[in-house]
C-alpha atoms as a PDB file:
ATOM      1  CA  MET A   1      -2.579 -23.283  -1.876  1.00  0.00           C
ATOM      2  CA  ALA A   2      -5.446 -25.397  -0.429  1.00  0.00           C
ATOM      3  CA  PHE A   3      -8.304 -22.817  -0.828  1.00  0.00           C
ATOM      4  CA  ASN A   4      -9.880 -20.361  -3.008  1.00  0.00           C
ATOM      5  CA  MET A   5      -9.007 -16.644  -2.376  1.00  0.00           C
ATOM      6  CA  GLU A   6     -11.889 -14.187  -1.799  1.00  0.00           C
ATOM      7  CA  TYR A   7     -11.323 -10.773  -3.018  1.00  0.00           C
ATOM      8  CA  PRO A   8     -13.270  -7.879  -1.841  1.00  0.00           C
ATOM      9  CA  PRO A   9     -14.232  -5.245  -4.386  1.00  0.00           C
ATOM     10  CA  GLY A  10     -11.219  -3.276  -5.910  1.00  0.00           C
ATOM     11  CA  ALA A  11      -8.644  -5.885  -4.508  1.00  0.00           C
ATOM     12  CA  THR A  12      -5.998  -7.229  -6.935  1.00  0.00           C
ATOM     13  CA  PRO A  13      -6.124 -10.985  -7.605  1.00  0.00           C
ATOM     14  CA  LEU A  14      -3.113 -12.943  -7.555  1.00  0.00           C
ATOM     15  CA  ASP A  15      -2.136 -15.292 -10.454  1.00  0.00           C
ATOM     16  CA  ALA A  16      -1.421 -18.922  -9.941  1.00  0.00           C
ATOM     17  CA  ASP A  17       2.474 -18.425  -9.475  1.00  0.00           C
ATOM     18  CA  GLU A  18       1.893 -15.805  -7.023  1.00  0.00           C
ATOM     19  CA  LEU A  19      -0.604 -18.017  -4.908  1.00  0.00           C
ATOM     20  CA  ALA A  20       1.914 -20.631  -5.095  1.00  0.00           C
ATOM     21  CA  SER A  21       4.342 -18.445  -3.145  1.00  0.00           C
ATOM     22  CA  LEU A  22       2.614 -18.760   0.049  1.00  0.00           C
ATOM     23  CA  ILE A  23       5.057 -19.413   2.846  1.00  0.00           C
ATOM     24  CA  PRO A  24       3.017 -20.856   5.804  1.00  0.00           C
ATOM     25  CA  GLY A  25       1.777 -24.139   5.132  1.00  0.00           C
ATOM     26  CA  HIS A  26      -0.837 -24.383   7.653  1.00  0.00           C
ATOM     27  CA  ILE A  27      -3.191 -21.688   6.266  1.00  0.00           C
ATOM     28  CA  THR A  28      -6.414 -23.236   4.524  1.00  0.00           C
ATOM     29  CA  THR A  29      -8.885 -20.523   4.797  1.00  0.00           C
ATOM     30  CA  GLN A  30      -9.331 -16.877   3.711  1.00  0.00           C
ATOM     31  CA  GLY A  31      -9.624 -15.935   7.365  1.00  0.00           C
ATOM     32  CA  GLU A  32      -6.528 -17.551   8.381  1.00  0.00           C
ATOM     33  CA  LEU A  33      -4.591 -15.864   5.545  1.00  0.00           C
ATOM     34  CA  ASN A  34      -6.023 -12.381   6.711  1.00  0.00           C
ATOM     35  CA  GLU A  35      -5.004 -12.947  10.330  1.00  0.00           C
ATOM     36  CA  TRP A  36      -1.355 -14.110   9.474  1.00  0.00           C
ATOM     37  CA  GLU A  37      -0.961 -11.248   6.973  1.00  0.00           C
ATOM     38  CA  GLN A  38      -2.247  -8.772   9.711  1.00  0.00           C
ATOM     39  CA  LEU A  39       0.371 -10.151  12.101  1.00  0.00           C
ATOM     40  CA  ASN A  40       2.904  -9.733   9.688  1.00  0.00           C
ATOM     41  CA  ILE A  41       1.992  -6.218   8.930  1.00  0.00           C
ATOM     42  CA  VAL A  42       1.999  -5.325  12.554  1.00  0.00           C
ATOM     43  CA  GLN A  43       5.402  -6.659  12.867  1.00  0.00           C
ATOM     44  CA  GLY A  44       6.514  -4.795   9.631  1.00  0.00           C
ATOM     45  CA  GLU A  45       4.779  -1.302  11.077  1.00  0.00           C
ATOM     46  CA  ALA A  46       6.983  -1.952  14.232  1.00  0.00           C
ATOM     47  CA  TRP A  47       9.939  -2.279  12.165  1.00  0.00           C
ATOM     48  CA  ALA A  48       9.033   0.951  10.094  1.00  0.00           C
ATOM     49  CA  ARG A  49       8.536   2.998  13.070  1.00  0.00           C
ATOM     50  CA  LYS A  50      11.916   2.471  14.329  1.00  0.00           C
ATOM     51  CA  GLN A  51      13.494   3.453  11.093  1.00  0.00           C
ATOM     52  CA  ARG A  52      15.531   6.677  10.924  1.00  0.00           C
ATOM     53  CA  LYS A  53      16.724   6.504   7.310  1.00  0.00           C
ATOM     54  CA  GLU A  54      15.305   8.093   4.248  1.00  0.00           C
ATOM     55  CA  ILE A  55      11.959   6.610   3.020  1.00  0.00           C
ATOM     56  CA  LEU A  56      11.395   8.224  -0.386  1.00  0.00           C
ATOM     57  CA  ASN A  57      13.600   5.675  -2.260  1.00  0.00           C
ATOM     58  CA  GLU A  58      13.141   2.474  -3.896  1.00  0.00           C
ATOM     59  CA  ALA A  59      15.108   0.458  -1.484  1.00  0.00           C
ATOM     60  CA  PHE A  60      12.859   1.591   1.306  1.00  0.00           C
ATOM     61  CA  VAL A  61       9.666   1.128  -0.499  1.00  0.00           C
ATOM     62  CA  ARG A  62      10.678  -2.468  -1.223  1.00  0.00           C
ATOM     63  CA  GLN A  63      11.975  -3.236   2.371  1.00  0.00           C
ATOM     64  CA  LEU A  64       8.956  -1.927   3.891  1.00  0.00           C
ATOM     65  CA  HIS A  65       6.819  -4.347   1.640  1.00  0.00           C
ATOM     66  CA  ARG A  66       9.291  -7.135   2.671  1.00  0.00           C
ATOM     67  CA  GLN A  67       8.708  -6.526   6.483  1.00  0.00           C
ATOM     68  CA  MET A  68       5.065  -6.245   5.992  1.00  0.00           C
ATOM     69  CA  PHE A  69       4.523  -9.535   3.833  1.00  0.00           C
ATOM     70  CA  GLY A  70       8.066 -11.332   3.967  1.00  0.00           C
ATOM     71  CA  GLU A  71       6.588 -13.975   6.410  1.00  0.00           C
ATOM     72  CA  THR A  72       3.425 -14.590   4.109  1.00  0.00           C
ATOM     73  CA  TRP A  73       4.638 -14.511   0.457  1.00  0.00           C
ATOM     74  CA  GLN A  74       8.000 -15.236  -0.920  1.00  0.00           C
ATOM     75  CA  TRP A  75       7.597 -12.366  -3.634  1.00  0.00           C
ATOM     76  CA  ALA A  76       7.121  -9.768  -0.770  1.00  0.00           C
ATOM     77  CA  GLY A  77       9.480  -6.761  -1.738  1.00  0.00           C
ATOM     78  CA  ASN A  78       9.870  -7.836  -5.229  1.00  0.00           C
ATOM     79  CA  PHE A  79       7.967  -5.573  -7.993  1.00  0.00           C
ATOM     80  CA  ARG A  80       5.167  -7.720  -9.894  1.00  0.00           C
ATOM     81  CA  LYS A  81       6.059  -9.571 -13.033  1.00  0.00           C
ATOM     82  CA  SER A  82       2.471  -9.414 -14.637  1.00  0.00           C
ATOM     83  CA  ASP A  83      -0.208  -6.880 -15.230  1.00  0.00           C
ATOM     84  CA  LYS A  84      -3.182  -6.705 -13.007  1.00  0.00           C
ATOM     85  CA  ASN A  85      -6.719  -5.081 -12.763  1.00  0.00           C
ATOM     86  CA  ILE A  86      -5.029  -1.904 -11.732  1.00  0.00           C
ATOM     87  CA  GLY A  87      -1.460  -0.307 -12.103  1.00  0.00           C
ATOM     88  CA  VAL A  88       0.933   0.637 -14.691  1.00  0.00           C
ATOM     89  CA  ASP A  89       2.292  -1.751 -17.192  1.00  0.00           C
ATOM     90  CA  TRP A  90       4.488  -3.895 -15.109  1.00  0.00           C
ATOM     91  CA  LEU A  91       7.722  -3.252 -16.989  1.00  0.00           C
ATOM     92  CA  LYS A  92       7.081   0.538 -15.989  1.00  0.00           C
ATOM     93  CA  VAL A  93       6.871  -0.064 -12.283  1.00  0.00           C
ATOM     94  CA  GLY A  94      10.568   0.869 -11.405  1.00  0.00           C
ATOM     95  CA  VAL A  95      10.431   4.111 -13.747  1.00  0.00           C
ATOM     96  CA  GLU A  96       7.079   5.199 -12.333  1.00  0.00           C
ATOM     97  CA  LEU A  97       8.092   4.629  -8.832  1.00  0.00           C
ATOM     98  CA  LYS A  98      11.241   6.663  -9.351  1.00  0.00           C
ATOM     99  CA  LYS A  99       9.251   9.610 -11.053  1.00  0.00           C
ATOM    100  CA  LEU A 100       6.874   9.432  -8.086  1.00  0.00           C
ATOM    101  CA  LEU A 101       9.614   9.470  -5.177  1.00  0.00           C
ATOM    102  CA  ASP A 102      11.348  12.227  -7.160  1.00  0.00           C
ATOM    103  CA  ASP A 103       8.092  14.452  -7.236  1.00  0.00           C
ATOM    104  CA  VAL A 104       7.469  13.898  -3.666  1.00  0.00           C
ATOM    105  CA  SER A 105      10.885  14.790  -2.690  1.00  0.00           C
ATOM    106  CA  TYR A 106      10.507  17.990  -4.478  1.00  0.00           C
ATOM    107  CA  GLN A 107       7.005  18.700  -2.855  1.00  0.00           C
ATOM    108  CA  VAL A 108       8.632  18.070   0.538  1.00  0.00           C
ATOM    109  CA  ALA A 109      11.646  20.426  -0.135  1.00  0.00           C
ATOM    110  CA  HIS A 110       9.300  23.019  -1.621  1.00  0.00           C
ATOM    111  CA  ALA A 111       6.247  22.696   0.558  1.00  0.00           C
ATOM    112  CA  THR A 112       4.226  22.609  -2.577  1.00  0.00           C
ATOM    113  CA  TYR A 113       1.201  21.320  -0.625  1.00  0.00           C
ATOM    114  CA  SER A 114       0.364  20.835   3.005  1.00  0.00           C
ATOM    115  CA  PRO A 115       1.859  17.929   4.608  1.00  0.00           C
ATOM    116  CA  ASP A 116      -1.367  15.918   4.581  1.00  0.00           C
ATOM    117  CA  GLU A 117      -1.849  16.518   0.987  1.00  0.00           C
ATOM    118  CA  ILE A 118       1.606  15.790   0.000  1.00  0.00           C
ATOM    119  CA  ALA A 119       1.144  12.264   1.934  1.00  0.00           C
ATOM    120  CA  VAL A 120      -2.366  11.647   0.495  1.00  0.00           C
ATOM    121  CA  ARG A 121      -1.148  12.429  -3.111  1.00  0.00           C
ATOM    122  CA  PHE A 122       1.879  10.139  -2.698  1.00  0.00           C
ATOM    123  CA  HIS A 123      -0.457   7.482  -1.430  1.00  0.00           C
ATOM    124  CA  HIS A 124      -2.828   7.723  -4.320  1.00  0.00           C
ATOM    125  CA  ARG A 125       0.057   7.624  -6.781  1.00  0.00           C
ATOM    126  CA  LEU A 126       1.677   4.596  -5.141  1.00  0.00           C
ATOM    127  CA  VAL A 127      -1.543   2.656  -5.189  1.00  0.00           C
ATOM    128  CA  ALA A 128      -1.952   3.864  -8.888  1.00  0.00           C
ATOM    129  CA  ILE A 129       1.296   2.406  -9.885  1.00  0.00           C
ATOM    130  CA  HIS A 130       0.580  -0.985  -7.830  1.00  0.00           C
ATOM    131  CA  PRO A 131       4.163  -2.035  -7.607  1.00  0.00           C
ATOM    132  CA  PHE A 132       3.892  -5.379  -5.944  1.00  0.00           C
ATOM    133  CA  PRO A 133       1.394  -8.329  -6.749  1.00  0.00           C
ATOM    134  CA  ASN A 134      -0.604  -7.841  -3.559  1.00  0.00           C
ATOM    135  CA  GLY A 135      -0.766  -5.600  -0.384  1.00  0.00           C
ATOM    136  CA  ASN A 136      -0.459  -2.450  -2.328  1.00  0.00           C
ATOM    137  CA  GLY A 137      -3.129  -0.326  -0.473  1.00  0.00           C
ATOM    138  CA  ARG A 138      -1.967  -1.496   2.965  1.00  0.00           C
ATOM    139  CA  HIS A 139       1.602  -0.833   1.956  1.00  0.00           C
ATOM    140  CA  ALA A 140       0.664   2.635   0.500  1.00  0.00           C
ATOM    141  CA  ARG A 141      -1.132   3.736   3.555  1.00  0.00           C
ATOM    142  CA  MET A 142       1.786   2.819   5.878  1.00  0.00           C
ATOM    143  CA  MET A 143       4.122   4.847   3.456  1.00  0.00           C
ATOM    144  CA  ALA A 144       1.870   7.722   3.677  1.00  0.00           C
ATOM    145  CA  ASP A 145       1.503   7.481   7.361  1.00  0.00           C
ATOM    146  CA  LEU A 146       5.332   7.430   7.674  1.00  0.00           C
ATOM    147  CA  LEU A 147       5.636  10.415   5.304  1.00  0.00           C
ATOM    148  CA  VAL A 148       3.120  12.473   7.198  1.00  0.00           C
ATOM    149  CA  VAL A 149       4.655  11.858  10.581  1.00  0.00           C
ATOM    150  CA  ARG A 150       8.034  12.791   9.309  1.00  0.00           C
ATOM    151  CA  LEU A 151       6.440  15.930   8.200  1.00  0.00           C
ATOM    152  CA  GLY A 152       5.408  16.850  11.568  1.00  0.00           C
ATOM    153  CA  GLN A 153       1.647  15.570  11.633  1.00  0.00           C
ATOM    154  CA  PRO A 154      -0.069  12.865  13.330  1.00  0.00           C
ATOM    155  CA  GLY A 155      -0.488   9.579  11.459  1.00  0.00           C
ATOM    156  CA  PHE A 156      -3.747   8.975   9.254  1.00  0.00           C
ATOM    157  CA  THR A 157      -6.724   7.069  10.728  1.00  0.00           C
ATOM    158  CA  TRP A 158      -8.011   5.772   7.263  1.00  0.00           C
ATOM    159  CA  GLY A 159     -11.506   5.614   8.317  1.00  0.00           C
ATOM    160  CA  SER A 160     -10.619   3.947  11.744  1.00  0.00           C
ATOM    161  CA  ARG A 161     -11.729   0.538  10.458  1.00  0.00           C
ATOM    162  CA  ASN A 162     -10.492  -2.597   8.814  1.00  0.00           C
ATOM    163  CA  LEU A 163     -10.226  -1.824   4.990  1.00  0.00           C
ATOM    164  CA  ILE A 164      -9.559  -5.541   3.942  1.00  0.00           C
ATOM    165  CA  ASP A 165     -13.044  -6.732   4.312  1.00  0.00           C
ATOM    166  CA  ALA A 166     -16.039  -5.524   1.890  1.00  0.00           C
ATOM    167  CA  THR A 167     -17.590  -2.879   4.029  1.00  0.00           C
ATOM    168  CA  ASP A 168     -18.965   0.622   3.769  1.00  0.00           C
ATOM    169  CA  THR A 169     -15.617   1.903   4.914  1.00  0.00           C
ATOM    170  CA  ARG A 170     -13.808   0.168   2.256  1.00  0.00           C
ATOM    171  CA  GLN A 171     -16.265   1.423  -0.433  1.00  0.00           C
ATOM    172  CA  GLY A 172     -15.718   4.938   0.955  1.00  0.00           C
ATOM    173  CA  TYR A 173     -11.905   4.358   0.487  1.00  0.00           C
ATOM    174  CA  ILE A 174     -12.245   3.012  -2.961  1.00  0.00           C
ATOM    175  CA  ALA A 175     -14.787   6.007  -3.712  1.00  0.00           C
ATOM    176  CA  ALA A 176     -12.101   8.434  -2.382  1.00  0.00           C
ATOM    177  CA  LEU A 177      -9.367   6.746  -4.702  1.00  0.00           C
ATOM    178  CA  GLN A 178     -11.457   7.094  -7.693  1.00  0.00           C
ATOM    179  CA  ALA A 179     -12.110  10.794  -6.878  1.00  0.00           C
ATOM    180  CA  ALA A 180      -8.407  11.393  -6.910  1.00  0.00           C
ATOM    181  CA  ASP A 181      -8.034   9.496 -10.078  1.00  0.00           C
ATOM    182  CA  ALA A 182     -10.128  12.477 -11.409  1.00  0.00           C
ATOM    183  CA  ARG A 183      -7.817  14.999  -9.646  1.00  0.00           C
ATOM    184  CA  ASP A 184     -10.256  15.587  -6.767  1.00  0.00           C
ATOM    185  CA  TYR A 185      -8.253  14.879  -3.607  1.00  0.00           C
ATOM    186  CA  ALA A 186     -10.767  16.536  -1.070  1.00  0.00           C
ATOM    187  CA  PRO A 187     -12.532  13.085  -0.564  1.00  0.00           C
ATOM    188  CA  LEU A 188      -9.138  11.262   0.086  1.00  0.00           C
ATOM    189  CA  LEU A 189      -7.990  13.899   2.277  1.00  0.00           C
ATOM    190  CA  ALA A 190     -11.063  13.767   4.469  1.00  0.00           C
ATOM    191  CA  PHE A 191     -11.024   9.941   4.392  1.00  0.00           C
ATOM    192  CA  ALA A 192      -7.412   9.694   5.619  1.00  0.00           C
ATOM    193  CA  ARG A 193      -8.421  11.738   8.685  1.00  0.00           C
ATOM    194  CA  SER A 194     -11.746  10.164   9.267  1.00  0.00           C
END
């Protein structure tokens, strides 16, 4: 990679091997990378909206990440192989994801919470697990959107702004995630519909 990555507050830095897995050779700036990733994510979202299969399983979680980032990163859809500034020990990603998917399936089947709260709690735990080298927040938001729509609600707006750049909206999102870390989901529920 011929440029330095710039990470907004709360972003997960990539290691040298992960950076070397960039697919497009024409990218030389952070702006170009962000634009390329966004085009890939839009394609991934279009793919996801057409799916009718079960989404609460590891295969779908991986496939969605691959659809969102597969034209950008060689490791798209593969669990991370190193520890990061956030997330469970990388060796426990598969186990923790299985627990999460089982828990959410139970919550859906038994209407343990409102549809919004099930999806927001799912999003929070998926981000906390941090299964992939990068793109976890974007992936978890899309997974939560797919889930809440399947539960009969409109998709979330997530602050109605870009959450990639260091903005007040991103700071609000991170603050809401931190409140959820302390088991206060109200700020994240409000942010998801803001």
